[in-house]
Amino acid sequence: MIDLVRAKHAFQRYVCHYDPQIPSIQLKIVHTYQAMVCCDDLCQKLKLSDEDRALASLIALLHDIGRFEQWMKYESFADYKTVDHALLSSQLLFEEGFIREFIEDDQYDEIIRHAIEQHNKYQVDDGFDERTLLFIHLMRDADKLDNFRVKDEEDIETLLYVSLDEVNQENISPQIYDQFYQQKLIYGPTRKTHLDMWLSYIAFIFDLYFLESLHYIKEHDWVNRSFNRIQPMNAKTKQDYEILRQRALAYVEDKNGV
């Protein structure tokens, strides 16, 4: 049995050891709960059972639990510079046995572990059964969907570690432009500038698995809202940026059957 009330209390006990006045800590606390909302919304639209909805919500609650230690140790959420936060989350839960604070029953452990470990990968690993893949894709989509809210609400400096003015003066790397234009998820290590990083967040739409997730993107106009936050100063960069906006909008419209 999955007791979400117990699990949320355990999460609250865990995060109380971290200072919510630190913007990055508060960001991840809010993201955790909002990812649960996105996950449950998807579950309802997919008409999943109550048990599956509860399991998906539990996975969302736990998916980023390693982020807090990552920030305290490195003051960065950049996995490529620090540590894979999904693996760190899995280690805290399963190698250190912390999972039993959230759920007594161990029958769901493998699904929870795989969904957490796969949620931030560029591509999902092979070899999973259909049920496990369901929860992997639910978590990957819910995480990406709430990322659009995060990028809409938080200060650019909190998100990219530089000022908005600095980002506006940057250019788009050719490799990033090509990947985005081809409507592909951007491979993280190819990013060179903070503007590249911003575009890689918007490119999450190209990796969404469920059609319901793309409905959500269209409904909230997340593509335009995300693009509007950055205003490149260089004329050529601005032109390229607007071309990529249209590529993203076309992708969403096409997937929504328009």
Protein backbone atom coordinates (compact mmCIF):
# COMPACT_ATOMS: atom_id res chain seq x y z
CA MET A 1 0.00 0.00 0.00
CA ILE A 2 1.22 3.50 -0.84
CA ASP A 3 0.53 6.11 1.84
CA LEU A 4 1.22 9.48 0.24
CA VAL A 5 0.47 11.38 3.44
CA ARG A 6 3.20 9.44 5.24
CA ALA A 7 5.56 9.92 2.29
CA LYS A 8 5.00 13.69 2.23
CA HIS A 9 5.66 13.91 5.97
CA ALA A 10 8.91 12.00 5.47
CA PHE A 11 9.89 14.39 2.69
CA GLN A 12 9.16 17.38 4.92
CA ARG A 13 11.33 15.90 7.67
CA TYR A 14 14.14 15.44 5.16
CA VAL A 15 14.07 18.92 3.62
CA CYS A 16 13.78 20.68 6.99
CA HIS A 17 17.53 20.14 7.29
CA TYR A 18 18.06 22.53 4.36
CA ASP A 19 17.56 26.30 4.41
CA PRO A 20 14.52 27.25 2.29
CA GLN A 21 15.80 30.84 2.24
CA ILE A 22 18.41 29.66 -0.25
CA PRO A 23 16.65 30.25 -3.61
CA SER A 24 17.94 27.05 -5.17
CA ILE A 25 16.73 24.95 -2.22
CA GLN A 26 13.30 26.57 -2.30
CA LEU A 27 13.19 26.08 -6.07
CA LYS A 28 13.65 22.31 -5.69
CA ILE A 29 11.13 21.99 -2.87
CA VAL A 30 8.47 23.71 -4.96
CA HIS A 31 9.51 21.76 -8.07
CA THR A 32 9.06 18.47 -6.23
CA TYR A 33 5.47 19.22 -5.30
CA GLN A 34 4.63 20.70 -8.68
CA ALA A 35 6.12 17.69 -10.47
CA MET A 36 3.71 15.59 -8.41
CA VAL A 37 0.84 17.75 -9.68
CA CYS A 38 1.97 17.34 -13.30
CA CYS A 39 2.40 13.60 -12.83
CA ASP A 40 -1.05 13.16 -11.31
CA ASP A 41 -2.60 15.28 -14.06
CA LEU A 42 -1.06 12.98 -16.67
CA CYS A 43 -2.25 9.91 -14.78
CA GLN A 44 -5.80 11.22 -14.71
CA LYS A 45 -5.77 12.03 -18.43
CA LEU A 46 -4.40 8.56 -19.16
CA LYS A 47 -7.10 7.06 -16.90
CA LEU A 48 -4.65 5.10 -14.78
CA SER A 49 -5.73 3.20 -11.68
CA ASP A 50 -5.62 4.73 -8.20
CA GLU A 51 -2.66 2.49 -7.36
CA ASP A 52 -0.70 3.64 -10.40
CA ARG A 53 -1.55 7.29 -9.69
CA ALA A 54 -0.25 6.92 -6.14
CA LEU A 55 2.92 5.19 -7.32
CA ALA A 56 3.57 7.88 -9.94
CA SER A 57 3.08 10.61 -7.32
CA LEU A 58 5.49 8.86 -4.95
CA ILE A 59 8.12 8.65 -7.69
CA ALA A 60 7.67 12.36 -8.41
CA LEU A 61 8.07 13.15 -4.69
CA LEU A 62 11.39 11.27 -4.61
CA HIS A 63 12.85 11.89 -8.07
CA ASP A 64 15.03 14.88 -7.09
CA ILE A 65 15.78 14.09 -3.47
CA GLY A 66 19.50 14.07 -4.24
CA ARG A 67 19.35 17.66 -5.47
CA PHE A 68 19.56 19.08 -1.95
CA GLU A 69 22.88 17.43 -1.12
CA GLN A 70 24.11 18.24 -4.61
CA TRP A 71 23.51 21.93 -4.03
CA MET A 72 24.99 21.97 -0.53
CA LYS A 73 28.16 20.27 -1.73
CA TYR A 74 28.68 21.99 -5.08
CA GLU A 75 26.35 25.05 -5.12
CA SER A 76 25.34 23.94 -8.59
CA PHE A 77 22.70 21.77 -10.23
CA ALA A 78 24.88 21.19 -13.30
CA ASP A 79 25.23 17.41 -13.32
CA TYR A 80 28.03 17.46 -15.89
CA LYS A 81 30.12 19.59 -13.51
CA THR A 82 29.15 17.86 -10.27
CA VAL A 83 27.30 14.54 -9.94
CA ASP A 84 24.39 12.79 -11.65
CA HIS A 85 21.55 13.90 -9.39
CA ALA A 86 19.29 11.02 -10.43
CA LEU A 87 21.88 8.44 -9.43
CA LEU A 88 22.54 10.35 -6.22
CA SER A 89 18.81 10.26 -5.46
CA SER A 90 18.74 6.51 -6.11
CA GLN A 91 21.77 5.93 -3.89
CA LEU A 92 20.23 7.86 -1.00
CA LEU A 93 17.03 5.88 -1.27
CA PHE A 94 18.20 2.37 -2.06
CA GLU A 95 21.86 2.00 -1.11
CA GLU A 96 21.38 3.85 2.17
CA GLY A 97 17.93 2.35 2.73
CA PHE A 98 16.17 5.69 3.01
CA ILE A 99 13.29 4.48 0.84
CA ARG A 100 11.69 2.76 3.86
CA GLU A 101 11.06 6.18 5.40
CA PHE A 102 8.62 6.80 2.55
CA ILE A 103 7.06 3.40 1.95
CA GLU A 104 7.20 0.16 3.95
CA ASP A 105 6.21 -2.15 1.09
CA ASP A 106 9.18 -3.09 -1.10
CA GLN A 107 7.16 -4.47 -4.05
CA TYR A 108 7.49 -1.17 -5.95
CA ASP A 109 11.20 -0.64 -5.32
CA GLU A 110 12.50 -1.61 -8.75
CA ILE A 111 9.99 0.55 -10.60
CA ILE A 112 10.73 3.51 -8.32
CA ARG A 113 14.48 3.07 -8.70
CA HIS A 114 14.41 2.75 -12.48
CA ALA A 115 12.03 5.69 -12.93
CA ILE A 116 14.25 7.93 -10.80
CA GLU A 117 17.50 6.82 -12.44
CA GLN A 118 16.10 7.27 -15.95
CA HIS A 119 14.29 10.57 -15.50
CA ASN A 120 17.22 12.80 -16.52
CA LYS A 121 18.88 10.63 -19.16
CA TYR A 122 19.26 11.84 -22.73
CA GLN A 123 17.72 8.55 -23.85
CA VAL A 124 15.97 5.82 -21.88
CA ASP A 125 18.06 2.67 -21.53
CA ASP A 126 16.91 -0.54 -23.21
CA GLY A 127 15.55 -3.63 -21.48
CA PHE A 128 12.63 -2.38 -19.40
CA ASP A 129 9.23 -4.07 -19.36
CA GLU A 130 6.11 -2.18 -20.43
CA ARG A 131 4.92 -1.36 -16.90
CA THR A 132 8.29 0.00 -15.82
CA LEU A 133 8.48 2.08 -19.00
CA LEU A 134 5.10 3.62 -18.20
CA PHE A 135 6.43 5.09 -14.96
CA ILE A 136 9.76 6.07 -16.52
CA HIS A 137 7.94 8.09 -19.19
CA LEU A 138 5.48 9.55 -16.70
CA MET A 139 8.34 10.86 -14.58
CA ARG A 140 10.36 12.15 -17.53
CA ASP A 141 7.36 14.04 -18.91
CA ALA A 142 6.19 15.43 -15.57
CA ASP A 143 9.70 16.65 -14.76
CA LYS A 144 9.98 18.43 -18.11
CA LEU A 145 6.51 19.92 -17.87
CA ASP A 146 7.18 21.54 -14.52
CA ASN A 147 10.54 22.73 -15.82
CA PHE A 148 8.61 25.15 -18.04
CA ARG A 149 6.90 26.61 -14.98
CA VAL A 150 10.25 26.91 -13.21
CA LYS A 151 11.81 28.71 -16.18
CA ASP A 152 8.82 31.06 -16.31
CA GLU A 153 8.79 32.03 -12.64
CA GLU A 154 12.39 32.07 -11.44
CA ASP A 155 14.99 34.79 -11.95
CA ILE A 156 17.27 34.20 -14.92
CA GLU A 157 20.29 34.57 -12.63
CA THR A 158 18.98 31.79 -10.37
CA LEU A 159 18.45 29.56 -13.39
CA LEU A 160 21.56 30.27 -15.47
CA TYR A 161 23.97 31.76 -12.89
CA VAL A 162 24.49 34.91 -15.01
CA SER A 163 22.44 38.07 -15.51
CA LEU A 164 19.72 38.47 -18.12
CA ASP A 165 21.83 41.15 -19.83
CA GLU A 166 24.71 38.70 -20.23
CA VAL A 167 22.46 36.03 -21.75
CA ASN A 168 20.93 38.56 -24.15
CA GLN A 169 24.39 39.38 -25.49
CA GLU A 170 25.31 35.77 -26.22
CA ASN A 171 25.05 33.84 -29.48
CA ILE A 172 23.61 30.44 -30.36
CA SER A 173 26.23 27.78 -31.06
CA PRO A 174 25.86 26.24 -34.56
CA GLN A 175 25.54 22.72 -33.16
CA ILE A 176 22.74 23.79 -30.84
CA TYR A 177 20.96 25.63 -33.64
CA ASP A 178 21.12 22.53 -35.85
CA GLN A 179 19.82 20.17 -33.17
CA PHE A 180 16.94 22.47 -32.30
CA TYR A 181 16.09 23.16 -35.95
CA GLN A 182 15.90 19.40 -36.54
CA GLN A 183 13.44 19.28 -33.62
CA LYS A 184 15.67 17.11 -31.47
CA LEU A 185 16.37 17.03 -27.76
CA ILE A 186 19.66 18.86 -27.24
CA TYR A 187 22.60 16.83 -26.01
CA GLY A 188 23.83 18.66 -22.89
CA PRO A 189 27.62 18.47 -23.42
CA THR A 190 27.29 20.28 -26.79
CA ARG A 191 26.07 23.48 -25.13
CA LYS A 192 28.59 26.34 -25.14
CA THR A 193 26.67 29.42 -24.00
CA HIS A 194 23.93 30.19 -21.49
CA LEU A 195 21.63 30.94 -24.43
CA ASP A 196 22.38 27.40 -25.65
CA MET A 197 21.34 26.17 -22.22
CA TRP A 198 18.08 28.11 -22.39
CA LEU A 199 17.27 26.64 -25.78
CA SER A 200 18.03 23.16 -24.47
CA TYR A 201 15.30 23.63 -21.87
CA ILE A 202 12.74 24.63 -24.49
CA ALA A 203 13.84 21.65 -26.60
CA PHE A 204 12.40 19.39 -23.88
CA ILE A 205 9.21 19.49 -25.94
CA PHE A 206 10.88 17.28 -28.55
CA ASP A 207 11.34 14.50 -25.99
CA LEU A 208 7.84 14.47 -24.47
CA TYR A 209 6.39 10.98 -24.70
CA PHE A 210 2.67 11.44 -24.11
CA LEU A 211 0.47 13.42 -26.47
CA GLU A 212 -1.28 14.73 -23.35
CA SER A 213 2.00 16.41 -22.39
CA LEU A 214 2.12 18.30 -25.67
CA HIS A 215 -1.51 19.34 -25.16
CA TYR A 216 -0.34 20.82 -21.85
CA ILE A 217 2.46 22.75 -23.60
CA LYS A 218 0.04 24.20 -26.13
CA GLU A 219 -2.63 24.97 -23.54
CA HIS A 220 -0.21 27.04 -21.44
CA ASP A 221 1.63 28.57 -24.43
CA TRP A 222 4.91 27.46 -22.86
CA VAL A 223 6.90 27.78 -26.08
CA ASN A 224 6.21 31.48 -26.53
CA ARG A 225 6.46 32.20 -22.82
CA SER A 226 9.88 30.57 -22.67
CA PHE A 227 11.20 32.26 -25.79
CA ASN A 228 9.91 35.64 -24.62
CA ARG A 229 12.09 35.65 -21.52
CA ILE A 230 15.26 36.11 -23.57
CA GLN A 231 15.78 38.95 -26.06
CA PRO A 232 19.02 38.46 -28.02
CA MET A 233 20.76 41.74 -28.87
CA ASN A 234 22.71 40.61 -31.92
CA ALA A 235 20.59 40.94 -35.08
CA LYS A 236 21.65 37.59 -36.57
CA THR A 237 21.19 35.79 -33.25
CA LYS A 238 17.75 37.35 -32.86
CA GLN A 239 16.80 36.16 -36.35
CA ASP A 240 18.03 32.63 -35.62
CA TYR A 241 16.24 32.66 -32.28
CA GLU A 242 12.94 33.53 -33.93
CA ILE A 243 13.41 30.81 -36.56
CA LEU A 244 13.82 28.29 -33.73
CA ARG A 245 10.71 29.64 -32.02
CA GLN A 246 8.72 28.90 -35.18
CA ARG A 247 10.23 25.40 -35.39
CA ALA A 248 9.11 24.71 -31.82
CA LEU A 249 5.62 26.12 -32.38
CA ALA A 250 5.26 24.09 -35.57
CA TYR A 251 6.22 20.92 -33.72
CA VAL A 252 3.60 21.50 -31.01
CA GLU A 253 0.91 22.37 -33.53
CA ASP A 254 1.72 19.30 -35.64
CA LYS A 255 1.60 16.97 -32.64
CA ASN A 256 -1.68 18.52 -31.53
CA GLY A 257 -3.15 17.75 -34.95
CA VAL A 258 -3.49 21.36 -36.09
